[in-house]
Protein backbone atom coordinates (compact mmCIF):
# COMPACT_ATOMS: atom_id res chain seq x y z
CA UNK A 1 3.26 14.63 4.41
CA UNK A 2 1.04 11.68 3.48
CA UNK A 3 0.22 13.20 0.11
CA UNK A 4 4.05 13.60 -0.58
CA UNK A 5 4.55 9.93 0.20
CA UNK A 6 1.57 9.00 -1.87
CA UNK A 7 2.83 10.93 -4.87
CA UNK A 8 6.32 9.67 -4.61
CA UNK A 9 5.31 6.06 -4.29
CA UNK A 10 2.25 6.00 -6.57
CA UNK A 11 3.82 2.91 -8.20
CA UNK A 12 2.65 0.98 -5.17
CA UNK A 13 -1.00 1.66 -5.94
CA UNK A 14 -2.97 -0.41 -8.35
CA UNK A 15 -4.02 1.53 -11.51
CA UNK A 16 -2.77 4.75 -9.89
CA UNK A 17 -5.42 4.92 -7.28
CA UNK A 18 -6.40 3.23 -3.98
CA UNK A 19 -9.45 1.14 -4.39
CA UNK A 20 -12.03 1.37 -1.60
CA UNK A 21 -12.92 -1.87 0.16
CA UNK A 22 -16.68 -2.33 0.55
CA UNK A 23 -17.71 -5.41 2.44
CA UNK A 24 -21.27 -5.19 1.09
CA UNK A 25 -20.26 -4.93 -2.49
CA UNK A 26 -22.13 -7.28 -4.81
CA UNK A 27 -20.47 -9.87 -7.04
CA UNK A 28 -19.96 -8.86 -10.63
CA UNK A 29 -22.81 -10.08 -12.86
CA UNK A 30 -22.94 -10.73 -16.58
CA UNK A 31 -25.74 -9.41 -18.73
CA UNK A 32 -27.54 -12.73 -18.52
CA UNK A 33 -27.53 -12.86 -14.73
CA UNK A 34 -24.54 -15.22 -14.30
CA UNK A 35 -21.70 -14.36 -11.91
CA UNK A 36 -18.67 -12.86 -13.58
CA UNK A 37 -15.96 -14.92 -11.80
CA UNK A 38 -13.02 -12.91 -13.28
CA UNK A 39 -14.64 -9.58 -12.34
CA UNK A 40 -15.32 -10.80 -8.90
CA UNK A 41 -11.70 -12.06 -8.55
CA UNK A 42 -10.44 -8.65 -9.61
CA UNK A 43 -12.66 -6.91 -7.13
CA UNK A 44 -11.51 -9.16 -4.25
CA UNK A 45 -7.85 -8.60 -5.28
CA UNK A 46 -8.29 -4.92 -5.32
CA UNK A 47 -9.91 -4.99 -1.86
CA UNK A 48 -7.06 -7.10 -0.50
CA UNK A 49 -4.55 -4.79 -2.07
CA UNK A 50 -6.31 -1.80 -0.43
CA UNK A 51 -6.34 -3.49 2.98
CA UNK A 52 -2.57 -4.42 2.62
CA UNK A 53 -1.75 -0.82 1.62
CA UNK A 54 -3.74 0.55 4.56
CA UNK A 55 -1.93 -1.80 6.85
CA UNK A 56 1.46 -0.71 5.42
CA UNK A 57 0.74 3.03 5.92
CA UNK A 58 -0.34 2.32 9.50
CA UNK A 59 2.81 0.44 10.28
CA UNK A 60 4.93 3.27 8.73
CA UNK A 61 2.93 5.85 10.72
CA UNK A 62 3.44 3.94 14.01
CA UNK A 63 7.14 3.29 13.48
CA UNK A 64 8.05 6.75 12.19
CA UNK A 65 6.03 8.51 14.94
CA UNK A 66 7.88 6.62 17.66
CA UNK A 67 11.19 7.36 16.06
CA UNK A 68 10.71 10.97 15.07
CA UNK A 69 8.29 12.67 17.48
CA UNK A 70 10.26 13.30 20.69
CA UNK A 71 7.90 15.91 22.19
CA UNK A 72 4.36 15.82 20.85
CA UNK A 73 2.63 19.18 20.52
CA UNK A 74 0.01 21.00 18.49
CA UNK A 75 2.44 21.46 15.48
CA UNK A 76 5.31 19.59 14.02
CA UNK A 77 8.57 21.51 13.90
CA UNK A 78 10.89 21.36 10.92
CA UNK A 79 13.09 18.65 12.45
CA UNK A 80 10.01 16.45 13.09
CA UNK A 81 8.75 16.99 9.54
CA UNK A 82 12.11 16.18 8.00
CA UNK A 83 12.55 13.10 10.14
CA UNK A 84 9.07 11.87 9.33
CA UNK A 85 9.60 12.41 5.57
CA UNK A 86 12.91 10.65 5.55
CA UNK A 87 11.71 7.78 7.74
CA UNK A 88 8.69 7.20 5.49
CA UNK A 89 10.78 7.38 2.36
CA UNK A 90 13.27 4.95 3.67
CA UNK A 91 10.55 2.48 4.82
CA UNK A 92 8.74 2.62 1.49
CA UNK A 93 12.01 2.32 -0.57
CA UNK A 94 12.96 -0.74 1.54
CA UNK A 95 9.55 -2.30 0.99
CA UNK A 96 9.87 -1.72 -2.71
CA UNK A 97 13.25 -3.43 -2.84
CA UNK A 98 12.04 -6.33 -0.78
CA UNK A 99 8.95 -6.73 -2.99
CA UNK A 100 10.96 -6.64 -6.13
CA UNK A 101 13.49 -9.18 -4.82
CA UNK A 102 10.63 -11.52 -3.76
CA UNK A 103 9.06 -11.22 -7.21
CA UNK A 104 12.37 -12.06 -8.97
CA UNK A 105 12.96 -15.01 -6.70
CA UNK A 106 9.41 -16.21 -7.26
CA UNK A 107 9.91 -16.01 -11.01
CA UNK A 108 13.22 -17.92 -10.75
CA UNK A 109 11.68 -20.60 -8.64
CA UNK A 110 8.75 -21.07 -11.00
CA UNK A 111 11.01 -21.24 -14.07
CA UNK A 112 13.05 -24.00 -12.49
CA UNK A 113 10.04 -26.20 -12.11
């Protein structure tokens, strides 16, 4: 189910893949030993995006589980699977619409300045 959601909503991922956050990762360095500020910024942004995406999937999992799984058991029946798939699709579609609307409003606000 998660792979189905991941495939359908791949547009949410940066560069088509989920970057892995590593708290011990080193700063990007240039050939002459200086810190590559832009590379470090990109790495931090990717790690923040990964954390936000992980948080989003956890929220979806929690909300859809409560809504769809009436009687937990060793297997999901067809009704549970269908409910989970539809719940996750609706949640992600809603998040996409909200994100797009916020981006448009942000652009409109910055163009008015």
